[in-house]
PDB file of N, CA and C in Angstrom:
ATOM      1  N   MET A   1      13.576 -22.679  97.717  1.00  0.00           N
ATOM      2  CA  MET A   1      13.169 -23.183  96.431  1.00  0.00           C
ATOM      3  C   MET A   1      13.942 -22.564  95.308  1.00  0.00           C
ATOM      4  N   VAL A   2      14.307 -21.277  95.408  1.00  0.00           N
ATOM      5  CA  VAL A   2      15.211 -20.631  94.468  1.00  0.00           C
ATOM      6  C   VAL A   2      16.629 -21.300  94.415  1.00  0.00           C
ATOM      7  N   LEU A   3      17.068 -21.585  95.573  1.00  0.00           N
ATOM      8  CA  LEU A   3      18.374 -22.249  95.672  1.00  0.00           C
ATOM      9  C   LEU A   3      18.454 -23.564  94.934  1.00  0.00           C
ATOM     10  N   GLY A   4      17.379 -24.338  95.112  1.00  0.00           N
ATOM     11  CA  GLY A   4      17.226 -25.630  94.527  1.00  0.00           C
ATOM     12  C   GLY A   4      17.309 -25.562  93.009  1.00  0.00           C
ATOM     13  N   GLY A   5      16.590 -24.497  92.440  1.00  0.00           N
ATOM     14  CA  GLY A   5      16.599 -24.251  90.965  1.00  0.00           C
ATOM     15  C   GLY A   5      17.934 -23.890  90.495  1.00  0.00           C
ATOM     16  N   MET A   6      18.655 -23.056  91.303  1.00  0.00           N
ATOM     17  CA  MET A   6      19.996 -22.576  90.915  1.00  0.00           C
ATOM     18  C   MET A   6      20.944 -23.809  90.894  1.00  0.00           C
ATOM     19  N   GLY A   7      20.735 -24.819  91.784  1.00  0.00           N
ATOM     20  CA  GLY A   7      21.634 -25.991  91.848  1.00  0.00           C
ATOM     21  C   GLY A   7      21.445 -26.773  90.536  1.00  0.00           C
ATOM     22  N   VAL A   8      20.222 -26.910  90.076  1.00  0.00           N
ATOM     23  CA  VAL A   8      19.868 -27.633  88.834  1.00  0.00           C
ATOM     24  C   VAL A   8      20.616 -26.941  87.713  1.00  0.00           C
ATOM     25  N   LEU A   9      20.458 -25.581  87.652  1.00  0.00           N
ATOM     26  CA  LEU A   9      21.116 -24.912  86.570  1.00  0.00           C
ATOM     27  C   LEU A   9      22.589 -24.931  86.571  1.00  0.00           C
ATOM     28  N   ALA A  10      23.149 -24.899  87.795  1.00  0.00           N
ATOM     29  CA  ALA A  10      24.658 -25.064  87.910  1.00  0.00           C
ATOM     30  C   ALA A  10      25.059 -26.394  87.371  1.00  0.00           C
ATOM     31  N   ALA A  11      24.351 -27.441  87.736  1.00  0.00           N
ATOM     32  CA  ALA A  11      24.650 -28.794  87.303  1.00  0.00           C
ATOM     33  C   ALA A  11      24.616 -28.896  85.813  1.00  0.00           C
ATOM     34  N   ALA A  12      23.589 -28.331  85.208  1.00  0.00           N
ATOM     35  CA  ALA A  12      23.402 -28.395  83.718  1.00  0.00           C
ATOM     36  C   ALA A  12      24.632 -27.601  83.077  1.00  0.00           C
ATOM     37  N   LEU A  13      24.924 -26.475  83.553  1.00  0.00           N
ATOM     38  CA  LEU A  13      26.042 -25.718  83.018  1.00  0.00           C
ATOM     39  C   LEU A  13      27.388 -26.409  83.187  1.00  0.00           C
ATOM     40  N   ALA A  14      27.555 -27.082  84.274  1.00  0.00           N
ATOM     41  CA  ALA A  14      28.800 -27.795  84.531  1.00  0.00           C
ATOM     42  C   ALA A  14      28.887 -29.058  83.616  1.00  0.00           C
ATOM     43  N   ALA A  15      27.778 -29.649  83.331  1.00  0.00           N
ATOM     44  CA  ALA A  15      27.814 -30.843  82.394  1.00  0.00           C
ATOM     45  C   ALA A  15      28.047 -30.315  81.017  1.00  0.00           C
ATOM     46  N   CYS A  16      27.580 -29.130  80.695  1.00  0.00           N
ATOM     47  CA  CYS A  16      27.780 -28.545  79.365  1.00  0.00           C
ATOM     48  C   CYS A  16      29.315 -28.431  79.113  1.00  0.00           C
ATOM     49  N   GLY A  17      30.046 -28.032  80.084  1.00  0.00           N
ATOM     50  CA  GLY A  17      31.456 -27.738  79.950  1.00  0.00           C
ATOM     51  C   GLY A  17      32.366 -29.045  79.977  1.00  0.00           C
ATOM     52  N   SER A  18      31.764 -30.104  80.482  1.00  0.00           N
ATOM     53  CA  SER A  18      32.609 -31.272  80.721  1.00  0.00           C
ATOM     54  C   SER A  18      32.598 -32.245  79.512  1.00  0.00           C
ATOM     55  N   ASP A  19      33.629 -33.011  79.320  1.00  0.00           N
ATOM     56  CA  ASP A  19      33.677 -33.921  78.225  1.00  0.00           C
ATOM     57  C   ASP A  19      32.864 -35.215  78.494  1.00  0.00           C
ATOM     58  N   PRO A  20      32.201 -35.753  77.521  1.00  0.00           N
ATOM     59  CA  PRO A  20      31.505 -36.993  77.651  1.00  0.00           C
ATOM     60  C   PRO A  20      32.520 -38.137  77.821  1.00  0.00           C
ATOM     61  N   ASP A  21      32.103 -39.230  78.241  1.00  0.00           N
ATOM     62  CA  ASP A  21      32.944 -40.447  78.403  1.00  0.00           C
ATOM     63  C   ASP A  21      33.571 -40.807  77.121  1.00  0.00           C
ATOM     64  N   ARG A  22      34.869 -41.028  77.040  1.00  0.00           N
ATOM     65  CA  ARG A  22      35.494 -41.326  75.760  1.00  0.00           C
ATOM     66  C   ARG A  22      36.518 -42.402  75.964  1.00  0.00           C
ATOM     67  N   ARG A  23      36.795 -43.130  74.836  1.00  0.00           N
ATOM     68  CA  ARG A  23      37.776 -44.159  74.824  1.00  0.00           C
ATOM     69  C   ARG A  23      38.573 -43.988  73.488  1.00  0.00           C
ATOM     70  N   CYS A  24      39.836 -44.283  73.626  1.00  0.00           N
ATOM     71  CA  CYS A  24      40.665 -44.238  72.379  1.00  0.00           C
ATOM     72  C   CYS A  24      40.503 -45.626  71.779  1.00  0.00           C
ATOM     73  N   VAL A  25      40.211 -45.617  70.460  1.00  0.00           N
ATOM     74  CA  VAL A  25      39.955 -46.950  69.760  1.00  0.00           C
ATOM     75  C   VAL A  25      40.736 -46.897  68.440  1.00  0.00           C
ATOM     76  N   ASP A  26      40.981 -47.988  67.905  1.00  0.00           N
ATOM     77  CA  ASP A  26      41.572 -48.167  66.561  1.00  0.00           C
ATOM     78  C   ASP A  26      40.415 -48.374  65.563  1.00  0.00           C
ATOM     79  N   ARG A  27      40.249 -47.311  64.717  1.00  0.00           N
ATOM     80  CA  ARG A  27      39.157 -47.321  63.751  1.00  0.00           C
ATOM     81  C   ARG A  27      39.223 -48.497  62.692  1.00  0.00           C
ATOM     82  N   ASP A  28      40.393 -49.033  62.549  1.00  0.00           N
ATOM     83  CA  ASP A  28      40.513 -50.161  61.625  1.00  0.00           C
ATOM     84  C   ASP A  28      40.280 -51.525  62.297  1.00  0.00           C
ATOM     85  N   SER A  29      39.908 -51.541  63.551  1.00  0.00           N
ATOM     86  CA  SER A  29      39.806 -52.850  64.247  1.00  0.00           C
ATOM     87  C   SER A  29      38.401 -53.298  64.419  1.00  0.00           C
ATOM     88  N   TYR A  30      37.446 -52.767  63.826  1.00  0.00           N
ATOM     89  CA  TYR A  30      36.041 -53.080  64.043  1.00  0.00           C
ATOM     90  C   TYR A  30      35.750 -54.519  63.762  1.00  0.00           C
ATOM     91  N   THR A  31      35.036 -55.168  64.758  1.00  0.00           N
ATOM     92  CA  THR A  31      34.621 -56.547  64.711  1.00  0.00           C
ATOM     93  C   THR A  31      33.155 -56.518  65.203  1.00  0.00           C
ATOM     94  N   LEU A  32      32.538 -57.736  65.346  1.00  0.00           N
ATOM     95  CA  LEU A  32      31.225 -57.840  65.887  1.00  0.00           C
ATOM     96  C   LEU A  32      31.143 -57.409  67.389  1.00  0.00           C
ATOM     97  N   ASP A  33      32.315 -57.399  68.024  1.00  0.00           N
ATOM     98  CA  ASP A  33      32.376 -56.817  69.423  1.00  0.00           C
ATOM     99  C   ASP A  33      32.556 -55.356  69.508  1.00  0.00           C
ATOM    100  N   GLY A  34      32.845 -54.665  68.346  1.00  0.00           N
ATOM    101  CA  GLY A  34      33.041 -53.202  68.380  1.00  0.00           C
ATOM    102  C   GLY A  34      34.469 -52.918  67.999  1.00  0.00           C
ATOM    103  N   TYR A  35      34.877 -51.660  68.319  1.00  0.00           N
ATOM    104  CA  TYR A  35      36.262 -51.199  68.090  1.00  0.00           C
ATOM    105  C   TYR A  35      37.153 -51.571  69.233  1.00  0.00           C
ATOM    106  N   LYS A  36      38.355 -52.063  68.887  1.00  0.00           N
ATOM    107  CA  LYS A  36      39.313 -52.349  70.050  1.00  0.00           C
ATOM    108  C   LYS A  36      39.817 -51.134  70.681  1.00  0.00           C
ATOM    109  N   VAL A  37      39.730 -51.132  71.994  1.00  0.00           N
ATOM    110  CA  VAL A  37      40.164 -49.978  72.824  1.00  0.00           C
ATOM    111  C   VAL A  37      41.711 -50.132  72.903  1.00  0.00           C
ATOM    112  N   ILE A  38      42.343 -48.880  72.646  1.00  0.00           N
ATOM    113  CA  ILE A  38      43.818 -48.911  72.746  1.00  0.00           C
ATOM    114  C   ILE A  38      44.232 -47.763  73.738  1.00  0.00           C
ATOM    115  N   ALA A  39      45.504 -47.695  73.969  1.00  0.00           N
ATOM    116  CA  ALA A  39      45.954 -46.779  74.976  1.00  0.00           C
ATOM    117  C   ALA A  39      45.599 -45.307  74.562  1.00  0.00           C
ATOM    118  N   ASP A  40      45.310 -44.473  75.555  1.00  0.00           N
ATOM    119  CA  ASP A  40      44.898 -43.092  75.293  1.00  0.00           C
ATOM    120  C   ASP A  40      46.027 -42.335  74.635  1.00  0.00           C
ATOM    121  N   LYS A  41      47.268 -42.666  74.873  1.00  0.00           N
ATOM    122  CA  LYS A  41      48.408 -41.932  74.276  1.00  0.00           C
ATOM    123  C   LYS A  41      48.344 -41.990  72.772  1.00  0.00           C
ATOM    124  N   ASN A  42      47.608 -42.918  72.132  1.00  0.00           N
ATOM    125  CA  ASN A  42      47.498 -43.028  70.745  1.00  0.00           C
ATOM    126  C   ASN A  42      46.606 -42.041  70.087  1.00  0.00           C
ATOM    127  N   CYS A  43      45.741 -41.468  70.919  1.00  0.00           N
ATOM    128  CA  CYS A  43      44.789 -40.404  70.464  1.00  0.00           C
ATOM    129  C   CYS A  43      45.432 -39.094  70.810  1.00  0.00           C
ATOM    130  N   LYS A  44      45.276 -38.154  69.915  1.00  0.00           N
ATOM    131  CA  LYS A  44      45.712 -36.786  70.269  1.00  0.00           C
ATOM    132  C   LYS A  44      44.818 -36.222  71.319  1.00  0.00           C
ATOM    133  N   SER A  45      45.476 -35.441  72.247  1.00  0.00           N
ATOM    134  CA  SER A  45      44.637 -34.796  73.287  1.00  0.00           C
ATOM    135  C   SER A  45      43.728 -33.765  72.749  1.00  0.00           C
ATOM    136  N   GLY A  46      42.699 -33.406  73.402  1.00  0.00           N
ATOM    137  CA  GLY A  46      41.777 -32.319  72.872  1.00  0.00           C
ATOM    138  C   GLY A  46      40.326 -33.002  72.925  1.00  0.00           C
ATOM    139  N   GLY A  47      39.396 -32.169  72.950  1.00  0.00           N
ATOM    140  CA  GLY A  47      37.992 -32.678  73.018  1.00  0.00           C
ATOM    141  C   GLY A  47      37.205 -32.486  71.674  1.00  0.00           C
ATOM    142  N   SER A  48      37.918 -31.926  70.701  1.00  0.00           N
ATOM    143  CA  SER A  48      37.122 -31.680  69.456  1.00  0.00           C
ATOM    144  C   SER A  48      36.800 -32.938  68.714  1.00  0.00           C
ATOM    145  N   SER A  49      35.736 -32.917  68.046  1.00  0.00           N
ATOM    146  CA  SER A  49      35.310 -34.121  67.271  1.00  0.00           C
ATOM    147  C   SER A  49      36.252 -34.304  66.135  1.00  0.00           C
ATOM    148  N   GLY A  50      36.517 -35.521  65.785  1.00  0.00           N
ATOM    149  CA  GLY A  50      37.375 -35.808  64.633  1.00  0.00           C
ATOM    150  C   GLY A  50      38.808 -35.619  65.047  1.00  0.00           C
ATOM    151  N   THR A  51      39.247 -35.865  66.272  1.00  0.00           N
ATOM    152  CA  THR A  51      40.598 -35.821  66.654  1.00  0.00           C
ATOM    153  C   THR A  51      41.249 -37.184  66.447  1.00  0.00           C
ATOM    154  N   TYR A  52      41.973 -37.414  65.288  1.00  0.00           N
ATOM    155  CA  TYR A  52      42.508 -38.701  65.004  1.00  0.00           C
ATOM    156  C   TYR A  52      44.060 -38.669  65.016  1.00  0.00           C
ATOM    157  N   GLY A  53      44.605 -39.877  65.230  1.00  0.00           N
ATOM    158  CA  GLY A  53      46.088 -39.999  65.136  1.00  0.00           C
ATOM    159  C   GLY A  53      46.349 -40.200  63.648  1.00  0.00           C
ATOM    160  N   LYS A  54      47.577 -39.996  63.368  1.00  0.00           N
ATOM    161  CA  LYS A  54      48.123 -40.125  61.965  1.00  0.00           C
ATOM    162  C   LYS A  54      48.467 -41.633  61.768  1.00  0.00           C
ATOM    163  N   LYS A  55      48.156 -42.189  60.599  1.00  0.00           N
ATOM    164  CA  LYS A  55      48.406 -43.576  60.356  1.00  0.00           C
ATOM    165  C   LYS A  55      49.724 -43.647  59.540  1.00  0.00           C
ATOM    166  N   ARG A  56      50.643 -44.456  59.981  1.00  0.00           N
ATOM    167  CA  ARG A  56      51.953 -44.634  59.315  1.00  0.00           C
ATOM    168  C   ARG A  56      51.765 -45.742  58.341  1.00  0.00           C
ATOM    169  N   LYS A  57      52.408 -45.634  57.161  1.00  0.00           N
ATOM    170  CA  LYS A  57      52.393 -46.658  56.157  1.00  0.00           C
ATOM    171  C   LYS A  57      53.512 -47.714  56.495  1.00  0.00           C
ATOM    172  N   LYS A  58      53.197 -48.945  56.198  1.00  0.00           N
ATOM    173  CA  LYS A  58      54.227 -50.009  56.433  1.00  0.00           C
ATOM    174  C   LYS A  58      55.360 -49.788  55.356  1.00  0.00           C
ATOM    175  N   SER A  59      56.530 -50.046  55.845  1.00  0.00           N
ATOM    176  CA  SER A  59      57.699 -49.972  54.905  1.00  0.00           C
ATOM    177  C   SER A  59      57.718 -51.371  54.315  1.00  0.00           C
ATOM    178  N   ALA A  60      57.930 -51.502  53.062  1.00  0.00           N
ATOM    179  CA  ALA A  60      58.064 -52.796  52.388  1.00  0.00           C
ATOM    180  C   ALA A  60      59.288 -53.558  52.963  1.00  0.00           C
ATOM    181  N   GLY A  61      59.035 -54.805  53.460  1.00  0.00           N
ATOM    182  CA  GLY A  61      60.091 -55.565  53.858  1.00  0.00           C
ATOM    183  C   GLY A  61      60.694 -55.192  55.231  1.00  0.00           C
ATOM    184  N   SER A  62      60.213 -54.147  55.828  1.00  0.00           N
ATOM    185  CA  SER A  62      60.810 -53.750  57.092  1.00  0.00           C
ATOM    186  C   SER A  62      60.191 -54.451  58.347  1.00  0.00           C
ATOM    187  N   GLY A  63      59.085 -55.045  58.185  1.00  0.00           N
ATOM    188  CA  GLY A  63      58.371 -55.733  59.236  1.00  0.00           C
ATOM    189  C   GLY A  63      57.797 -54.765  60.272  1.00  0.00           C
ATOM    190  N   ALA A  64      57.826 -53.480  60.100  1.00  0.00           N
ATOM    191  CA  ALA A  64      57.352 -52.508  60.963  1.00  0.00           C
ATOM    192  C   ALA A  64      55.776 -52.532  60.929  1.00  0.00           C
ATOM    193  N   ARG A  65      55.268 -52.389  62.185  1.00  0.00           N
ATOM    194  CA  ARG A  65      53.842 -52.357  62.316  1.00  0.00           C
ATOM    195  C   ARG A  65      53.307 -50.918  62.044  1.00  0.00           C
ATOM    196  N   ALA A  66      52.141 -50.786  61.390  1.00  0.00           N
ATOM    197  CA  ALA A  66      51.570 -49.524  61.131  1.00  0.00           C
ATOM    198  C   ALA A  66      50.954 -49.034  62.446  1.00  0.00           C
ATOM    199  N   LYS A  67      50.975 -47.730  62.720  1.00  0.00           N
ATOM    200  CA  LYS A  67      50.393 -47.212  63.965  1.00  0.00           C
ATOM    201  C   LYS A  67      48.916 -47.261  63.724  1.00  0.00           C
ATOM    202  N   ALA A  68      48.225 -47.455  64.807  1.00  0.00           N
ATOM    203  CA  ALA A  68      46.731 -47.595  64.790  1.00  0.00           C
ATOM    204  C   ALA A  68      46.089 -46.339  64.268  1.00  0.00           C
ATOM    205  N   ASP A  69      44.972 -46.439  63.605  1.00  0.00           N
ATOM    206  CA  ASP A  69      44.172 -45.373  63.109  1.00  0.00           C
ATOM    207  C   ASP A  69      43.360 -44.953  64.342  1.00  0.00           C
ATOM    208  N   ALA A  70      44.009 -44.154  65.257  1.00  0.00           N
ATOM    209  CA  ALA A  70      43.417 -43.929  66.589  1.00  0.00           C
ATOM    210  C   ALA A  70      42.452 -42.767  66.517  1.00  0.00           C
ATOM    211  N   ALA A  71      41.376 -42.902  67.283  1.00  0.00           N
ATOM    212  CA  ALA A  71      40.286 -41.799  67.395  1.00  0.00           C
ATOM    213  C   ALA A  71      39.633 -41.909  68.697  1.00  0.00           C
ATOM    214  N   TRP A  72      39.093 -40.750  69.196  1.00  0.00           N
ATOM    215  CA  TRP A  72      38.336 -40.812  70.401  1.00  0.00           C
ATOM    216  C   TRP A  72      36.882 -41.333  69.978  1.00  0.00           C
ATOM    217  N   TYR A  73      36.436 -42.149  70.822  1.00  0.00           N
ATOM    218  CA  TYR A  73      35.038 -42.818  70.534  1.00  0.00           C
ATOM    219  C   TYR A  73      34.228 -42.530  71.838  1.00  0.00           C
ATOM    220  N   TYR A  74      33.159 -41.821  71.701  1.00  0.00           N
ATOM    221  CA  TYR A  74      32.362 -41.294  72.855  1.00  0.00           C
ATOM    222  C   TYR A  74      31.210 -42.066  73.159  1.00  0.00           C
ATOM    223  N   ASP A  75      30.848 -42.120  74.462  1.00  0.00           N
ATOM    224  CA  ASP A  75      29.557 -42.707  75.002  1.00  0.00           C
ATOM    225  C   ASP A  75      29.409 -44.123  74.483  1.00  0.00           C
ATOM    226  N   ALA A  76      30.437 -44.906  74.579  1.00  0.00           N
ATOM    227  CA  ALA A  76      30.363 -46.264  74.142  1.00  0.00           C
ATOM    228  C   ALA A  76      30.131 -47.241  75.286  1.00  0.00           C
ATOM    229  N   ASP A  77      29.605 -48.390  74.948  1.00  0.00           N
ATOM    230  CA  ASP A  77      29.562 -49.548  75.905  1.00  0.00           C
ATOM    231  C   ASP A  77      30.820 -50.277  75.719  1.00  0.00           C
ATOM    232  N   VAL A  78      31.621 -50.491  76.860  1.00  0.00           N
ATOM    233  CA  VAL A  78      32.887 -51.097  76.752  1.00  0.00           C
ATOM    234  C   VAL A  78      32.805 -52.526  77.429  1.00  0.00           C
ATOM    235  N   SER A  79      33.272 -53.477  76.746  1.00  0.00           N
ATOM    236  CA  SER A  79      33.256 -54.927  77.258  1.00  0.00           C
ATOM    237  C   SER A  79      34.488 -55.679  76.661  1.00  0.00           C
ATOM    238  N   ARG A  80      35.246 -56.299  77.546  1.00  0.00           N
ATOM    239  CA  ARG A  80      36.331 -57.162  77.114  1.00  0.00           C
ATOM    240  C   ARG A  80      37.305 -56.446  76.159  1.00  0.00           C
ATOM    241  N   GLY A  81      37.511 -55.173  76.352  1.00  0.00           N
ATOM    242  CA  GLY A  81      38.499 -54.441  75.617  1.00  0.00           C
ATOM    243  C   GLY A  81      37.982 -53.835  74.219  1.00  0.00           C
ATOM    244  N   TYR A  82      36.673 -53.967  74.090  1.00  0.00           N
ATOM    245  CA  TYR A  82      36.038 -53.419  72.895  1.00  0.00           C
ATOM    246  C   TYR A  82      34.973 -52.463  73.189  1.00  0.00           C
ATOM    247  N   ALA A  83      34.821 -51.488  72.352  1.00  0.00           N
ATOM    248  CA  ALA A  83      33.816 -50.348  72.645  1.00  0.00           C
ATOM    249  C   ALA A  83      32.796 -50.424  71.481  1.00  0.00           C
ATOM    250  N   GLU A  84      31.520 -50.336  71.755  1.00  0.00           N
ATOM    251  CA  GLU A  84      30.467 -50.352  70.733  1.00  0.00           C
ATOM    252  C   GLU A  84      29.343 -49.439  71.148  1.00  0.00           C
ATOM    253  N   GLY A  85      28.532 -48.999  70.110  1.00  0.00           N
ATOM    254  CA  GLY A  85      27.371 -48.239  70.340  1.00  0.00           C
ATOM    255  C   GLY A  85      27.594 -46.827  70.710  1.00  0.00           C
ATOM    256  N   GLY A  86      28.833 -46.266  70.360  1.00  0.00           N
ATOM    257  CA  GLY A  86      29.149 -44.877  70.603  1.00  0.00           C
ATOM    258  C   GLY A  86      29.119 -44.003  69.380  1.00  0.00           C
ATOM    259  N   THR A  87      29.788 -42.945  69.379  1.00  0.00           N
ATOM    260  CA  THR A  87      30.037 -42.073  68.269  1.00  0.00           C
ATOM    261  C   THR A  87      31.360 -41.484  68.236  1.00  0.00           C
ATOM    262  N   PHE A  88      31.855 -41.111  67.056  1.00  0.00           N
ATOM    263  CA  PHE A  88      33.090 -40.429  66.905  1.00  0.00           C
ATOM    264  C   PHE A  88      32.951 -38.936  67.029  1.00  0.00           C
ATOM    265  N   SER A  89      31.759 -38.450  67.127  1.00  0.00           N
ATOM    266  CA  SER A  89      31.499 -37.005  67.211  1.00  0.00           C
ATOM    267  C   SER A  89      31.284 -36.625  68.652  1.00  0.00           C
ATOM    268  N   ARG A  90      32.124 -35.784  69.147  1.00  0.00           N
ATOM    269  CA  ARG A  90      32.044 -35.252  70.520  1.00  0.00           C
ATOM    270  C   ARG A  90      30.706 -34.439  70.732  1.00  0.00           C
ATOM    271  N   ASP A  91      30.419 -33.645  69.728  1.00  0.00           N
ATOM    272  CA  ASP A  91      29.225 -32.846  69.760  1.00  0.00           C
ATOM    273  C   ASP A  91      27.979 -33.700  69.894  1.00  0.00           C
ATOM    274  N   GLU A  92      27.946 -34.802  69.071  1.00  0.00           N
ATOM    275  CA  GLU A  92      26.810 -35.673  69.156  1.00  0.00           C
ATOM    276  C   GLU A  92      26.713 -36.382  70.522  1.00  0.00           C
ATOM    277  N   ALA A  93      27.824 -36.743  71.026  1.00  0.00           N
ATOM    278  CA  ALA A  93      27.840 -37.398  72.378  1.00  0.00           C
ATOM    279  C   ALA A  93      27.285 -36.407  73.447  1.00  0.00           C
ATOM    280  N   VAL A  94      27.659 -35.176  73.383  1.00  0.00           N
ATOM    281  CA  VAL A  94      27.143 -34.157  74.325  1.00  0.00           C
ATOM    282  C   VAL A  94      25.651 -34.000  74.134  1.00  0.00           C
ATOM    283  N   ASP A  95      25.171 -33.959  72.913  1.00  0.00           N
ATOM    284  CA  ASP A  95      23.694 -33.930  72.722  1.00  0.00           C
ATOM    285  C   ASP A  95      23.051 -35.033  73.186  1.00  0.00           C
ATOM    286  N   ARG A  96      23.600 -36.211  73.168  1.00  0.00           N
ATOM    287  CA  ARG A  96      22.986 -37.434  73.745  1.00  0.00           C
ATOM    288  C   ARG A  96      22.739 -37.238  75.205  1.00  0.00           C
ATOM    289  N   GLY A  97      23.556 -36.449  75.871  1.00  0.00           N
ATOM    290  CA  GLY A  97      23.406 -36.311  77.312  1.00  0.00           C
ATOM    291  C   GLY A  97      22.181 -35.423  77.654  1.00  0.00           C
ATOM    292  N   GLY A  98      21.497 -34.876  76.680  1.00  0.00           N
ATOM    293  CA  GLY A  98      20.279 -34.154  76.940  1.00  0.00           C
ATOM    294  C   GLY A  98      20.451 -32.709  77.190  1.00  0.00           C
ATOM    295  N   PHE A  99      21.674 -32.146  77.269  1.00  0.00           N
ATOM    296  CA  PHE A  99      21.845 -30.740  77.505  1.00  0.00           C
ATOM    297  C   PHE A  99      22.012 -29.862  76.289  1.00  0.00           C
ATOM    298  N   GLY A 100      22.311 -30.496  75.168  1.00  0.00           N
ATOM    299  CA  GLY A 100      22.415 -29.859  73.928  1.00  0.00           C
ATOM    300  C   GLY A 100      23.471 -28.746  73.956  1.00  0.00           C
ATOM    301  N   CYS A 101      24.628 -29.008  74.390  1.00  0.00           N
ATOM    302  CA  CYS A 101      25.732 -27.984  74.609  1.00  0.00           C
ATOM    303  C   CYS A 101      26.528 -27.776  73.422  1.00  0.00           C
ATOM    304  N   SER A 102      26.233 -28.419  72.308  1.00  0.00           N
ATOM    305  CA  SER A 102      27.003 -28.224  71.082  1.00  0.00           C
ATOM    306  C   SER A 102      26.982 -26.746  70.543  1.00  0.00           C
ATOM    307  N   GLY A 103      25.878 -26.069  70.908  1.00  0.00           N
ATOM    308  CA  GLY A 103      25.721 -24.723  70.503  1.00  0.00           C
ATOM    309  C   GLY A 103      25.085 -24.609  69.198  1.00  0.00           C
ATOM    310  N   SER A 104      24.809 -25.687  68.499  1.00  0.00           N
ATOM    311  CA  SER A 104      24.217 -25.590  67.150  1.00  0.00           C
ATOM    312  C   SER A 104      22.900 -26.340  67.166  1.00  0.00           C
ATOM    313  N   GLY A 105      21.830 -25.718  66.694  1.00  0.00           N
ATOM    314  CA  GLY A 105      20.618 -26.413  66.612  1.00  0.00           C
ATOM    315  C   GLY A 105      20.449 -27.218  65.309  1.00  0.00           C
ATOM    316  N   SER A 106      21.330 -26.870  64.358  1.00  0.00           N
ATOM    317  CA  SER A 106      21.176 -27.650  63.090  1.00  0.00           C
ATOM    318  C   SER A 106      22.159 -28.774  63.047  1.00  0.00           C
ATOM    319  N   GLY A 107      21.764 -29.794  62.369  1.00  0.00           N
ATOM    320  CA  GLY A 107      22.719 -30.965  62.212  1.00  0.00           C
ATOM    321  C   GLY A 107      23.355 -30.886  60.832  1.00  0.00           C
ATOM    322  N   GLY A 108      23.383 -29.857  60.165  1.00  0.00           N
ATOM    323  CA  GLY A 108      23.954 -29.772  58.823  1.00  0.00           C
ATOM    324  C   GLY A 108      25.437 -29.850  58.848  1.00  0.00           C
ATOM    325  N   GLY A 109      26.018 -30.108  57.705  1.00  0.00           N
ATOM    326  CA  GLY A 109      27.524 -30.243  57.705  1.00  0.00           C
ATOM    327  C   GLY A 109      27.968 -29.935  56.360  1.00  0.00           C
TER     328      GLY A 109
END
């Protein structure tokens, strides 16, 4: 019985250290379907909340496309290349998992 309890504790601790499901999305692409999922290389690596790519300005007359306003979007429902119902906050996504691993009991900011 003690070993079973230790297994549950180990699973909870392992979940606390792992990243929630995430997708790289273009924050400027929101439609009724959600945010357009783009290649992961557009989002900076790392698991901190608010990890966004830099947005490039279009040059007048150059015809260059602006880089996507890329961001990690956590715990989203993904369908047909669009993600919805998630959060841009990694800490909030971890808290949704029920383990409360963000380390902060307050939601202040």
